[in-house]
């Protein structure tokens, strides 16, 4: 059975990510407790956890609010992911088992099908599959500490992708091609190829996709 703290955390996090609680919105413990059906203590614990993960900020008087992200912070997020994930991809190339390479192929096909269908919620579908794809690579290429750090970075990007949903079709198609190249590098057990391709993949997202939406919205 889900604990009260986990319930509060899941509820608040979901509403930050889907935009129900927008950037700058105050998160009042008493109101949230009533909405979720728990006491204020698990809400406070959830807000502290979300602050640690970078989605919530506290003012001087300890009022919690949904964090806003500057263009510089978003750019740093992409650059850090490029550094960490390219390193993880290089390590994974030597470690990832054949069964998980096959899982990557299935996910790649599913993402390609999403782009081909061009559904209104293609961005959300693609994002979910993409997260699974990267999670498999990180499982074999990074330590728990690295996975925790990347989880925080990915959460920031997830918020931004929900806020600026107009994903460019050509950018998604490019991502699909990058995924195929990564799979090929893993099959070849080529660390240098995997590292270079992952860095290209991350920097392409920064320069050709999500960051442009933030700049256009400002």
N, C-alpha and C. Protein backbone atom coordinates (compact mmCIF):
# COMPACT_ATOMS: atom_id res chain seq x y z
N UNK A 1 0.84 -1.20 0.00
CA UNK A 1 0.00 0.00 0.00
C UNK A 1 0.88 1.25 0.00
N UNK A 2 0.51 2.21 -0.83
CA UNK A 2 1.30 3.43 -0.97
C UNK A 2 1.24 4.26 0.31
N UNK A 3 2.40 4.73 0.76
CA UNK A 3 2.44 5.56 1.98
C UNK A 3 1.88 6.94 1.69
N UNK A 4 1.54 7.66 2.76
CA UNK A 4 0.98 9.01 2.62
C UNK A 4 2.00 9.93 1.97
N UNK A 5 3.28 9.79 2.35
CA UNK A 5 4.32 10.65 1.77
C UNK A 5 4.49 10.38 0.28
N UNK A 6 4.46 9.10 -0.10
CA UNK A 6 4.58 8.75 -1.52
C UNK A 6 3.38 9.24 -2.32
N UNK A 7 2.21 9.13 -1.72
CA UNK A 7 1.00 9.61 -2.37
C UNK A 7 1.07 11.11 -2.60
N UNK A 8 1.51 11.84 -1.59
CA UNK A 8 1.63 13.29 -1.71
C UNK A 8 2.67 13.66 -2.76
N UNK A 9 3.80 12.97 -2.74
CA UNK A 9 4.87 13.24 -3.69
C UNK A 9 4.39 13.01 -5.12
N UNK A 10 3.77 11.86 -5.37
CA UNK A 10 3.30 11.53 -6.72
C UNK A 10 2.28 12.55 -7.22
N UNK A 11 1.38 12.95 -6.33
CA UNK A 11 0.32 13.89 -6.69
C UNK A 11 0.90 15.25 -7.08
N UNK A 12 1.77 15.77 -6.23
CA UNK A 12 2.32 17.11 -6.47
C UNK A 12 3.25 17.11 -7.69
N UNK A 13 4.09 16.09 -7.78
CA UNK A 13 5.02 16.00 -8.91
C UNK A 13 4.26 15.93 -10.23
N UNK A 14 3.22 15.12 -10.29
CA UNK A 14 2.45 14.97 -11.53
C UNK A 14 1.84 16.29 -11.96
N UNK A 15 1.37 17.08 -10.99
CA UNK A 15 0.72 18.35 -11.33
C UNK A 15 1.71 19.45 -11.68
N UNK A 16 2.94 19.31 -11.21
CA UNK A 16 3.98 20.23 -11.66
C UNK A 16 4.36 19.91 -13.10
N UNK A 17 4.52 18.63 -13.38
CA UNK A 17 4.96 18.21 -14.71
C UNK A 17 3.89 18.50 -15.76
N UNK A 18 2.61 18.27 -15.42
CA UNK A 18 1.58 18.50 -16.45
C UNK A 18 1.13 19.96 -16.53
N UNK A 19 1.72 20.83 -15.68
CA UNK A 19 1.42 22.25 -15.77
C UNK A 19 0.25 22.71 -14.94
N UNK A 20 -0.42 21.80 -14.23
CA UNK A 20 -1.52 22.22 -13.36
C UNK A 20 -1.02 23.21 -12.32
N UNK A 21 0.17 22.93 -11.79
CA UNK A 21 0.86 23.88 -10.90
C UNK A 21 1.96 24.54 -11.73
N UNK A 22 1.72 25.74 -12.26
CA UNK A 22 2.70 26.37 -13.17
C UNK A 22 3.89 26.95 -12.42
N UNK A 23 4.89 27.34 -13.15
CA UNK A 23 6.08 27.96 -12.57
C UNK A 23 5.67 29.19 -11.76
N UNK A 24 6.22 29.28 -10.55
CA UNK A 24 5.92 30.43 -9.69
C UNK A 24 4.71 30.24 -8.79
N UNK A 25 3.95 29.16 -9.00
CA UNK A 25 2.76 28.93 -8.18
C UNK A 25 3.16 28.53 -6.76
N UNK A 26 2.48 29.11 -5.77
CA UNK A 26 2.76 28.73 -4.38
C UNK A 26 2.10 27.40 -4.07
N UNK A 27 2.79 26.59 -3.28
CA UNK A 27 2.31 25.27 -2.88
C UNK A 27 2.04 25.31 -1.38
N UNK A 28 0.78 25.50 -1.04
CA UNK A 28 0.37 25.69 0.34
C UNK A 28 0.09 24.33 0.98
N UNK A 29 0.80 24.02 2.04
CA UNK A 29 0.71 22.70 2.66
C UNK A 29 -0.73 22.34 3.04
N UNK A 30 -1.43 23.27 3.68
CA UNK A 30 -2.78 22.97 4.15
C UNK A 30 -3.72 22.68 2.99
N UNK A 31 -3.62 23.47 1.92
CA UNK A 31 -4.47 23.26 0.75
C UNK A 31 -4.16 21.92 0.08
N UNK A 32 -2.88 21.62 -0.04
CA UNK A 32 -2.48 20.36 -0.68
C UNK A 32 -2.92 19.16 0.16
N UNK A 33 -2.79 19.27 1.47
CA UNK A 33 -3.20 18.17 2.34
C UNK A 33 -4.68 17.84 2.16
N UNK A 34 -5.51 18.90 2.07
CA UNK A 34 -6.93 18.68 1.87
C UNK A 34 -7.24 18.09 0.50
N UNK A 35 -6.51 18.55 -0.50
CA UNK A 35 -6.72 18.07 -1.86
C UNK A 35 -6.34 16.60 -2.01
N UNK A 36 -5.24 16.22 -1.36
CA UNK A 36 -4.73 14.85 -1.50
C UNK A 36 -5.38 13.88 -0.51
N UNK A 37 -5.85 14.42 0.63
CA UNK A 37 -6.45 13.57 1.64
C UNK A 37 -5.45 13.00 2.62
N UNK A 38 -4.42 13.79 2.93
CA UNK A 38 -3.40 13.37 3.90
C UNK A 38 -3.17 14.51 4.88
N UNK A 39 -2.36 14.28 5.89
CA UNK A 39 -2.03 15.34 6.83
C UNK A 39 -0.94 16.24 6.23
N UNK A 40 -0.58 17.31 6.93
CA UNK A 40 0.41 18.24 6.41
C UNK A 40 1.83 17.66 6.44
N UNK A 41 2.09 16.72 7.34
CA UNK A 41 3.45 16.19 7.46
C UNK A 41 3.93 15.50 6.19
N UNK A 42 3.15 14.57 5.61
CA UNK A 42 3.61 13.95 4.35
C UNK A 42 3.70 14.95 3.20
N UNK A 43 2.86 15.98 3.22
CA UNK A 43 2.96 17.02 2.19
C UNK A 43 4.28 17.76 2.34
N UNK A 44 4.62 18.09 3.58
CA UNK A 44 5.90 18.78 3.84
C UNK A 44 7.07 17.91 3.39
N UNK A 45 7.00 16.60 3.69
CA UNK A 45 8.06 15.69 3.27
C UNK A 45 8.17 15.64 1.74
N UNK A 46 7.02 15.62 1.08
CA UNK A 46 7.00 15.58 -0.38
C UNK A 46 7.60 16.85 -0.97
N UNK A 47 7.27 18.00 -0.40
CA UNK A 47 7.81 19.26 -0.89
C UNK A 47 9.32 19.34 -0.68
N UNK A 48 9.79 18.83 0.44
CA UNK A 48 11.23 18.80 0.69
C UNK A 48 11.94 17.92 -0.34
N UNK A 49 11.33 16.80 -0.65
CA UNK A 49 11.91 15.89 -1.64
C UNK A 49 11.94 16.54 -3.02
N UNK A 50 10.86 17.21 -3.38
CA UNK A 50 10.78 17.87 -4.68
C UNK A 50 11.75 19.05 -4.77
N UNK A 51 12.00 19.67 -3.62
CA UNK A 51 13.00 20.75 -3.61
C UNK A 51 14.39 20.17 -3.86
N UNK A 52 14.67 19.04 -3.25
CA UNK A 52 15.96 18.37 -3.47
C UNK A 52 16.13 17.99 -4.93
N UNK A 53 15.03 17.60 -5.57
CA UNK A 53 15.07 17.18 -6.97
C UNK A 53 15.05 18.36 -7.93
N UNK A 54 14.87 19.56 -7.41
CA UNK A 54 14.97 20.74 -8.26
C UNK A 54 13.69 21.25 -8.86
N UNK A 55 12.54 20.69 -8.47
CA UNK A 55 11.27 21.14 -9.04
C UNK A 55 10.56 22.18 -8.18
N UNK A 56 10.96 22.28 -6.92
CA UNK A 56 10.32 23.20 -5.97
C UNK A 56 11.40 24.07 -5.34
N UNK A 57 11.05 25.32 -5.05
CA UNK A 57 11.96 26.24 -4.36
C UNK A 57 11.25 26.80 -3.14
N UNK A 58 12.03 27.18 -2.13
CA UNK A 58 11.47 27.78 -0.92
C UNK A 58 11.95 29.22 -0.81
N UNK A 59 11.02 30.12 -0.49
CA UNK A 59 11.38 31.51 -0.25
C UNK A 59 11.97 31.65 1.15
N UNK A 60 12.37 32.87 1.47
CA UNK A 60 12.96 33.11 2.79
C UNK A 60 12.03 32.75 3.93
N UNK A 61 10.74 32.94 3.73
CA UNK A 61 9.78 32.61 4.79
C UNK A 61 9.32 31.16 4.71
N UNK A 62 10.06 30.37 3.89
CA UNK A 62 9.82 28.93 3.78
C UNK A 62 8.57 28.56 2.98
N UNK A 63 7.95 29.54 2.33
CA UNK A 63 6.83 29.18 1.46
C UNK A 63 7.37 28.47 0.22
N UNK A 64 6.78 27.34 -0.10
CA UNK A 64 7.24 26.57 -1.26
C UNK A 64 6.54 27.06 -2.52
N UNK A 65 7.26 27.02 -3.61
CA UNK A 65 6.68 27.41 -4.89
C UNK A 65 7.31 26.57 -6.00
N UNK A 66 6.59 26.46 -7.12
CA UNK A 66 7.11 25.72 -8.26
C UNK A 66 8.25 26.53 -8.88
N UNK A 67 9.36 25.87 -9.08
CA UNK A 67 10.54 26.56 -9.61
C UNK A 67 10.34 26.99 -11.05
N UNK A 68 10.90 28.14 -11.37
CA UNK A 68 11.00 28.57 -12.76
C UNK A 68 12.45 28.38 -13.17
N UNK A 69 12.68 28.20 -14.44
CA UNK A 69 14.03 27.93 -14.92
C UNK A 69 14.45 28.99 -15.94
N UNK A 70 15.63 29.55 -15.73
CA UNK A 70 16.15 30.53 -16.67
C UNK A 70 16.69 29.82 -17.91
N UNK A 71 16.89 30.59 -18.96
CA UNK A 71 17.44 30.02 -20.19
C UNK A 71 18.82 29.42 -19.91
N UNK A 72 19.62 30.08 -19.06
CA UNK A 72 20.94 29.57 -18.74
C UNK A 72 20.86 28.23 -18.02
N UNK A 73 19.91 28.10 -17.08
CA UNK A 73 19.75 26.84 -16.36
C UNK A 73 19.34 25.71 -17.29
N UNK A 74 18.45 26.02 -18.24
CA UNK A 74 18.02 25.00 -19.19
C UNK A 74 19.19 24.56 -20.06
N UNK A 75 19.99 25.53 -20.50
CA UNK A 75 21.15 25.22 -21.34
C UNK A 75 22.14 24.35 -20.57
N UNK A 76 22.38 24.70 -19.30
CA UNK A 76 23.29 23.90 -18.47
C UNK A 76 22.76 22.48 -18.29
N UNK A 77 21.44 22.35 -18.17
CA UNK A 77 20.83 21.03 -18.00
C UNK A 77 21.14 20.14 -19.20
N UNK A 78 20.98 20.69 -20.41
CA UNK A 78 21.29 19.92 -21.61
C UNK A 78 22.77 19.56 -21.67
N UNK A 79 23.64 20.52 -21.34
CA UNK A 79 25.07 20.28 -21.43
C UNK A 79 25.53 19.22 -20.42
N UNK A 80 24.97 19.27 -19.21
CA UNK A 80 25.32 18.27 -18.21
C UNK A 80 24.84 16.89 -18.62
N UNK A 81 23.63 16.82 -19.18
CA UNK A 81 23.14 15.53 -19.66
C UNK A 81 24.04 14.99 -20.76
N UNK A 82 24.50 15.88 -21.64
CA UNK A 82 25.39 15.45 -22.71
C UNK A 82 26.67 14.85 -22.14
N UNK A 83 27.21 15.47 -21.10
CA UNK A 83 28.43 14.97 -20.48
C UNK A 83 28.19 13.60 -19.81
N UNK A 84 27.19 13.55 -18.95
CA UNK A 84 26.92 12.34 -18.18
C UNK A 84 26.47 11.18 -19.06
N UNK A 85 25.54 11.45 -19.97
CA UNK A 85 24.96 10.35 -20.74
C UNK A 85 25.92 9.83 -21.80
N UNK A 86 26.78 10.69 -22.33
CA UNK A 86 27.77 10.19 -23.29
C UNK A 86 28.76 9.26 -22.57
N UNK A 87 29.13 9.62 -21.35
CA UNK A 87 29.99 8.75 -20.54
C UNK A 87 29.29 7.42 -20.26
N UNK A 88 28.01 7.49 -19.88
CA UNK A 88 27.25 6.27 -19.59
C UNK A 88 27.12 5.39 -20.83
N UNK A 89 26.91 6.00 -21.99
CA UNK A 89 26.78 5.23 -23.23
C UNK A 89 28.07 4.49 -23.55
N UNK A 90 29.21 5.15 -23.31
CA UNK A 90 30.50 4.50 -23.56
C UNK A 90 30.67 3.27 -22.67
N UNK A 91 30.29 3.40 -21.39
CA UNK A 91 30.38 2.27 -20.47
C UNK A 91 29.39 1.17 -20.85
N UNK A 92 28.18 1.58 -21.22
CA UNK A 92 27.14 0.60 -21.56
C UNK A 92 27.51 -0.23 -22.78
N UNK A 93 28.26 0.36 -23.71
CA UNK A 93 28.62 -0.36 -24.93
C UNK A 93 29.35 -1.67 -24.63
N UNK A 94 30.09 -1.70 -23.53
CA UNK A 94 30.83 -2.90 -23.15
C UNK A 94 30.04 -3.82 -22.23
N UNK A 95 28.96 -3.32 -21.65
CA UNK A 95 28.26 -4.07 -20.59
C UNK A 95 26.85 -4.52 -20.95
N UNK A 96 26.19 -3.81 -21.82
CA UNK A 96 24.75 -4.05 -22.03
C UNK A 96 24.54 -5.44 -22.65
N UNK A 97 23.67 -6.25 -22.07
CA UNK A 97 23.42 -7.60 -22.61
C UNK A 97 22.58 -7.54 -23.88
N UNK A 98 22.65 -8.60 -24.66
CA UNK A 98 21.94 -8.68 -25.94
C UNK A 98 20.44 -8.50 -25.73
N UNK A 99 19.90 -9.08 -24.66
CA UNK A 99 18.46 -8.96 -24.42
C UNK A 99 18.03 -7.50 -24.30
N UNK A 100 18.86 -6.67 -23.64
CA UNK A 100 18.50 -5.28 -23.49
C UNK A 100 18.72 -4.48 -24.77
N UNK A 101 19.65 -4.91 -25.59
CA UNK A 101 19.78 -4.28 -26.91
C UNK A 101 18.51 -4.53 -27.71
N UNK A 102 17.96 -5.73 -27.58
CA UNK A 102 16.70 -6.04 -28.27
C UNK A 102 15.56 -5.16 -27.75
N UNK A 103 15.56 -4.90 -26.44
CA UNK A 103 14.54 -4.00 -25.88
C UNK A 103 14.69 -2.59 -26.46
N UNK A 104 15.93 -2.15 -26.63
CA UNK A 104 16.16 -0.84 -27.24
C UNK A 104 15.61 -0.80 -28.67
N UNK A 105 15.77 -1.89 -29.39
CA UNK A 105 15.24 -1.95 -30.77
C UNK A 105 13.73 -1.83 -30.79
N UNK A 106 13.07 -2.52 -29.85
CA UNK A 106 11.61 -2.45 -29.77
C UNK A 106 11.16 -1.03 -29.47
N UNK A 107 11.81 -0.39 -28.49
CA UNK A 107 11.47 0.99 -28.14
C UNK A 107 11.73 1.93 -29.31
N UNK A 108 12.83 1.71 -30.03
CA UNK A 108 13.13 2.55 -31.20
C UNK A 108 12.03 2.42 -32.25
N UNK A 109 11.57 1.20 -32.50
CA UNK A 109 10.49 1.00 -33.46
C UNK A 109 9.20 1.68 -33.00
N UNK A 110 8.92 1.60 -31.71
CA UNK A 110 7.71 2.23 -31.18
C UNK A 110 7.78 3.75 -31.33
N UNK A 111 8.96 4.34 -31.08
CA UNK A 111 9.10 5.78 -31.25
C UNK A 111 8.95 6.18 -32.71
N UNK A 112 9.51 5.39 -33.61
CA UNK A 112 9.38 5.67 -35.03
C UNK A 112 7.91 5.61 -35.47
N UNK A 113 7.17 4.66 -34.91
CA UNK A 113 5.74 4.55 -35.23
C UNK A 113 4.97 5.76 -34.71
N UNK A 114 5.34 6.25 -33.53
CA UNK A 114 4.68 7.44 -32.98
C UNK A 114 4.90 8.64 -33.90
N UNK A 115 6.12 8.82 -34.37
CA UNK A 115 6.43 9.95 -35.26
C UNK A 115 5.68 9.81 -36.58
N UNK A 116 5.63 8.58 -37.10
CA UNK A 116 4.95 8.34 -38.38
C UNK A 116 3.46 8.63 -38.28
N UNK A 117 2.83 8.24 -37.15
CA UNK A 117 1.39 8.48 -36.97
C UNK A 117 1.08 9.96 -36.86
N UNK A 118 1.98 10.72 -36.21
CA UNK A 118 1.77 12.15 -36.06
C UNK A 118 0.54 12.51 -35.24
N UNK A 119 0.26 11.75 -34.19
CA UNK A 119 -0.91 12.01 -33.35
C UNK A 119 -0.73 13.32 -32.57
N UNK A 120 -1.86 13.92 -32.13
CA UNK A 120 -1.76 15.18 -31.36
C UNK A 120 -0.91 15.05 -30.10
N UNK A 121 -0.91 13.86 -29.49
CA UNK A 121 -0.12 13.67 -28.27
C UNK A 121 1.19 12.94 -28.57
N UNK A 122 1.70 13.10 -29.79
CA UNK A 122 2.93 12.41 -30.19
C UNK A 122 4.09 12.76 -29.28
N UNK A 123 4.19 14.03 -28.89
CA UNK A 123 5.30 14.46 -28.05
C UNK A 123 5.30 13.72 -26.72
N UNK A 124 4.13 13.61 -26.09
CA UNK A 124 4.02 12.93 -24.80
C UNK A 124 4.34 11.44 -24.94
N UNK A 125 3.81 10.81 -25.99
CA UNK A 125 4.08 9.38 -26.22
C UNK A 125 5.57 9.15 -26.46
N UNK A 126 6.14 10.00 -27.30
CA UNK A 126 7.55 9.87 -27.63
C UNK A 126 8.41 10.05 -26.38
N UNK A 127 8.06 11.02 -25.55
CA UNK A 127 8.82 11.31 -24.34
C UNK A 127 8.84 10.11 -23.40
N UNK A 128 7.70 9.47 -23.23
CA UNK A 128 7.63 8.31 -22.32
C UNK A 128 8.50 7.16 -22.82
N UNK A 129 8.43 6.88 -24.11
CA UNK A 129 9.25 5.81 -24.69
C UNK A 129 10.73 6.17 -24.65
N UNK A 130 11.02 7.43 -24.90
CA UNK A 130 12.40 7.91 -24.89
C UNK A 130 13.02 7.76 -23.50
N UNK A 131 12.23 8.06 -22.46
CA UNK A 131 12.72 7.89 -21.09
C UNK A 131 13.08 6.43 -20.81
N UNK A 132 12.25 5.50 -21.30
CA UNK A 132 12.53 4.08 -21.11
C UNK A 132 13.81 3.68 -21.84
N UNK A 133 14.01 4.22 -23.02
CA UNK A 133 15.19 3.93 -23.83
C UNK A 133 16.46 4.35 -23.08
N UNK A 134 16.46 5.59 -22.59
CA UNK A 134 17.63 6.11 -21.89
C UNK A 134 17.84 5.41 -20.54
N UNK A 135 16.76 5.02 -19.89
CA UNK A 135 16.89 4.33 -18.60
C UNK A 135 17.63 3.01 -18.75
N UNK A 136 17.40 2.29 -19.84
CA UNK A 136 18.09 1.02 -20.07
C UNK A 136 19.59 1.26 -20.24
N UNK A 137 19.93 2.31 -20.98
CA UNK A 137 21.36 2.62 -21.18
C UNK A 137 22.01 2.99 -19.84
N UNK A 138 21.33 3.81 -19.06
CA UNK A 138 21.89 4.23 -17.77
C UNK A 138 22.02 3.07 -16.79
N UNK A 139 21.12 2.11 -16.89
CA UNK A 139 21.18 0.95 -16.00
C UNK A 139 22.51 0.21 -16.15
N UNK A 140 23.05 0.22 -17.37
CA UNK A 140 24.29 -0.52 -17.63
C UNK A 140 25.51 0.39 -17.75
N UNK A 141 25.29 1.69 -17.74
CA UNK A 141 26.41 2.59 -17.97
C UNK A 141 26.73 3.55 -16.85
N UNK A 142 25.90 3.58 -15.82
CA UNK A 142 26.13 4.55 -14.77
C UNK A 142 25.95 3.98 -13.38
N UNK A 143 26.60 4.60 -12.41
CA UNK A 143 26.43 4.22 -11.02
C UNK A 143 25.11 4.76 -10.50
N UNK A 144 24.71 4.35 -9.32
CA UNK A 144 23.47 4.86 -8.72
C UNK A 144 23.55 6.37 -8.54
N UNK A 145 24.72 6.86 -8.14
CA UNK A 145 24.89 8.30 -7.95
C UNK A 145 24.64 9.05 -9.26
N UNK A 146 25.20 8.52 -10.35
CA UNK A 146 24.99 9.17 -11.64
C UNK A 146 23.53 9.11 -12.06
N UNK A 147 22.89 7.96 -11.82
CA UNK A 147 21.48 7.84 -12.19
C UNK A 147 20.63 8.83 -11.41
N UNK A 148 20.95 9.03 -10.14
CA UNK A 148 20.20 9.99 -9.33
C UNK A 148 20.38 11.41 -9.86
N UNK A 149 21.61 11.76 -10.22
CA UNK A 149 21.87 13.10 -10.77
C UNK A 149 21.13 13.30 -12.08
N UNK A 150 21.15 12.29 -12.93
CA UNK A 150 20.48 12.41 -14.22
C UNK A 150 18.97 12.44 -14.08
N UNK A 151 18.45 11.77 -13.06
CA UNK A 151 17.01 11.83 -12.82
C UNK A 151 16.57 13.26 -12.57
N UNK A 152 17.36 14.00 -11.80
CA UNK A 152 17.04 15.40 -11.53
C UNK A 152 17.08 16.23 -12.81
N UNK A 153 18.10 16.02 -13.62
CA UNK A 153 18.21 16.76 -14.87
C UNK A 153 17.06 16.43 -15.82
N UNK A 154 16.70 15.16 -15.87
CA UNK A 154 15.62 14.74 -16.76
C UNK A 154 14.28 15.29 -16.32
N UNK A 155 14.10 15.45 -14.99
CA UNK A 155 12.84 16.00 -14.50
C UNK A 155 12.66 17.44 -14.97
N UNK A 156 13.75 18.20 -14.96
CA UNK A 156 13.68 19.58 -15.45
C UNK A 156 13.25 19.59 -16.91
N UNK A 157 13.87 18.73 -17.72
CA UNK A 157 13.52 18.69 -19.13
C UNK A 157 12.09 18.22 -19.34
N UNK A 158 11.63 17.30 -18.51
CA UNK A 158 10.27 16.80 -18.63
C UNK A 158 9.26 17.92 -18.40
N UNK A 159 9.52 18.76 -17.39
CA UNK A 159 8.65 19.91 -17.12
C UNK A 159 8.62 20.82 -18.33
N UNK A 160 9.77 21.10 -18.89
CA UNK A 160 9.85 22.01 -20.04
C UNK A 160 9.16 21.44 -21.26
N UNK A 161 9.29 20.14 -21.48
CA UNK A 161 8.65 19.53 -22.63
C UNK A 161 7.14 19.57 -22.51
N UNK A 162 6.61 19.49 -21.28
CA UNK A 162 5.17 19.58 -21.09
C UNK A 162 4.70 21.02 -21.31
N UNK A 163 5.52 22.00 -20.89
CA UNK A 163 5.14 23.40 -21.02
C UNK A 163 5.23 23.87 -22.46
N UNK A 164 6.24 23.38 -23.19
CA UNK A 164 6.46 23.80 -24.56
C UNK A 164 6.37 22.57 -25.44
N UNK A 165 5.15 22.20 -25.75
CA UNK A 165 4.84 20.88 -26.29
C UNK A 165 4.99 20.81 -27.81
N UNK A 166 5.23 21.98 -28.46
CA UNK A 166 5.21 22.00 -29.92
C UNK A 166 6.45 21.37 -30.50
N UNK A 167 6.66 20.09 -30.28
CA UNK A 167 7.87 19.42 -30.73
C UNK A 167 7.92 19.39 -32.25
N UNK A 168 9.05 19.77 -32.81
CA UNK A 168 9.22 19.81 -34.25
C UNK A 168 9.34 18.39 -34.79
N UNK A 169 8.56 18.09 -35.82
CA UNK A 169 8.54 16.73 -36.35
C UNK A 169 9.93 16.30 -36.83
N UNK A 170 10.65 17.20 -37.49
CA UNK A 170 11.96 16.83 -37.99
C UNK A 170 12.93 16.54 -36.85
N UNK A 171 12.73 17.21 -35.71
CA UNK A 171 13.59 16.95 -34.55
C UNK A 171 13.35 15.54 -34.01
N UNK A 172 12.09 15.11 -33.95
CA UNK A 172 11.78 13.76 -33.49
C UNK A 172 12.33 12.72 -34.46
N UNK A 173 12.25 13.02 -35.75
CA UNK A 173 12.79 12.09 -36.73
C UNK A 173 14.30 11.96 -36.57
N UNK A 174 14.96 13.06 -36.29
CA UNK A 174 16.40 13.03 -36.07
C UNK A 174 16.74 12.20 -34.83
N UNK A 175 15.92 12.35 -33.79
CA UNK A 175 16.13 11.56 -32.57
C UNK A 175 16.01 10.07 -32.87
N UNK A 176 15.06 9.70 -33.70
CA UNK A 176 14.90 8.29 -34.07
C UNK A 176 16.16 7.76 -34.75
N UNK A 177 16.73 8.57 -35.62
CA UNK A 177 17.96 8.16 -36.31
C UNK A 177 19.09 8.00 -35.31
N UNK A 178 19.20 8.93 -34.35
CA UNK A 178 20.24 8.83 -33.32
C UNK A 178 20.09 7.54 -32.52
N UNK A 179 18.84 7.19 -32.19
CA UNK A 179 18.61 5.96 -31.44
C UNK A 179 19.12 4.74 -32.20
N UNK A 180 18.88 4.72 -33.50
CA UNK A 180 19.35 3.59 -34.31
C UNK A 180 20.88 3.53 -34.33
N UNK A 181 21.52 4.69 -34.39
CA UNK A 181 22.98 4.73 -34.36
C UNK A 181 23.51 4.24 -33.01
N UNK A 182 22.86 4.61 -31.93
CA UNK A 182 23.28 4.13 -30.61
C UNK A 182 23.17 2.62 -30.52
N UNK A 183 22.07 2.07 -31.00
CA UNK A 183 21.89 0.62 -30.98
C UNK A 183 23.00 -0.06 -31.79
N UNK A 184 23.32 0.51 -32.95
CA UNK A 184 24.39 -0.06 -33.78
C UNK A 184 25.73 -0.02 -33.04
N UNK A 185 25.99 1.06 -32.32
CA UNK A 185 27.24 1.18 -31.55
C UNK A 185 27.29 0.14 -30.44
N UNK A 186 26.14 -0.11 -29.79
CA UNK A 186 26.10 -1.11 -28.73
C UNK A 186 26.32 -2.51 -29.31
N UNK A 187 25.72 -2.78 -30.45
CA UNK A 187 25.90 -4.10 -31.07
C UNK A 187 27.36 -4.32 -31.48
N UNK A 188 28.03 -3.23 -31.87
CA UNK A 188 29.43 -3.32 -32.25
C UNK A 188 30.36 -3.29 -31.04
N UNK A 189 29.79 -3.05 -29.84
CA UNK A 189 30.57 -2.93 -28.61
C UNK A 189 31.65 -1.85 -28.75
N UNK A 190 31.26 -0.75 -29.43
CA UNK A 190 32.19 0.34 -29.71
C UNK A 190 31.92 1.51 -28.77
N UNK A 191 32.73 1.65 -27.73
CA UNK A 191 32.52 2.69 -26.73
C UNK A 191 32.65 4.08 -27.31
N UNK A 192 33.67 4.29 -28.15
CA UNK A 192 33.89 5.63 -28.71
C UNK A 192 32.72 6.07 -29.57
N UNK A 193 32.19 5.15 -30.38
CA UNK A 193 31.05 5.46 -31.24
C UNK A 193 29.82 5.78 -30.38
N UNK A 194 29.58 4.95 -29.37
CA UNK A 194 28.42 5.18 -28.50
C UNK A 194 28.51 6.52 -27.78
N UNK A 195 29.71 6.85 -27.29
CA UNK A 195 29.90 8.11 -26.58
C UNK A 195 29.66 9.31 -27.50
N UNK A 196 30.24 9.25 -28.70
CA UNK A 196 30.08 10.35 -29.65
C UNK A 196 28.63 10.51 -30.09
N UNK A 197 27.96 9.38 -30.33
CA UNK A 197 26.58 9.44 -30.79
C UNK A 197 25.65 9.98 -29.72
N UNK A 198 25.88 9.59 -28.46
CA UNK A 198 25.03 10.10 -27.39
C UNK A 198 25.23 11.60 -27.21
N UNK A 199 26.48 12.06 -27.31
CA UNK A 199 26.72 13.49 -27.19
C UNK A 199 26.02 14.25 -28.33
N UNK A 200 26.11 13.71 -29.52
CA UNK A 200 25.41 14.32 -30.66
C UNK A 200 23.91 14.37 -30.42
N UNK A 201 23.38 13.29 -29.89
CA UNK A 201 21.95 13.18 -29.60
C UNK A 201 21.50 14.26 -28.60
N UNK A 202 22.26 14.42 -27.53
CA UNK A 202 21.91 15.40 -26.50
C UNK A 202 22.04 16.83 -27.01
N UNK A 203 23.12 17.12 -27.72
CA UNK A 203 23.32 18.49 -28.21
C UNK A 203 22.35 18.83 -29.32
N UNK A 204 21.92 17.84 -30.08
CA UNK A 204 20.89 18.07 -31.09
C UNK A 204 19.59 18.51 -30.45
N UNK A 205 19.24 17.86 -29.32
CA UNK A 205 18.02 18.24 -28.60
C UNK A 205 18.13 19.68 -28.10
N UNK A 206 19.31 20.05 -27.63
CA UNK A 206 19.52 21.40 -27.12
C UNK A 206 19.39 22.43 -28.23
N UNK A 207 20.02 22.20 -29.37
CA UNK A 207 20.10 23.21 -30.41
C UNK A 207 18.98 23.14 -31.44
N UNK A 208 18.33 21.98 -31.53
CA UNK A 208 17.32 21.85 -32.56
C UNK A 208 15.92 21.64 -32.04
N UNK A 209 15.76 21.55 -30.73
CA UNK A 209 14.45 21.19 -30.23
C UNK A 209 13.99 22.02 -29.08
N UNK A 210 14.01 21.43 -27.87
CA UNK A 210 13.30 21.98 -26.73
C UNK A 210 13.76 23.37 -26.32
N UNK A 211 15.07 23.67 -26.42
CA UNK A 211 15.54 24.97 -25.98
C UNK A 211 14.94 26.09 -26.82
N UNK A 212 14.69 25.81 -28.10
CA UNK A 212 14.07 26.82 -28.96
C UNK A 212 12.69 27.20 -28.46
N UNK A 213 11.96 26.24 -27.88
CA UNK A 213 10.62 26.53 -27.41
C UNK A 213 10.67 27.50 -26.24
N UNK A 214 11.67 27.31 -25.38
CA UNK A 214 11.81 28.21 -24.24
C UNK A 214 12.13 29.61 -24.74
N UNK A 215 13.06 29.73 -25.71
CA UNK A 215 13.44 31.03 -26.22
C UNK A 215 12.25 31.70 -26.92
N UNK A 216 11.47 30.90 -27.64
CA UNK A 216 10.33 31.47 -28.36
C UNK A 216 9.25 31.95 -27.41
N UNK A 217 9.18 31.35 -26.23
CA UNK A 217 8.11 31.70 -25.29
C UNK A 217 8.45 32.94 -24.47
N UNK A 218 9.72 33.33 -24.48
CA UNK A 218 10.13 34.45 -23.63
C UNK A 218 9.85 35.78 -24.30
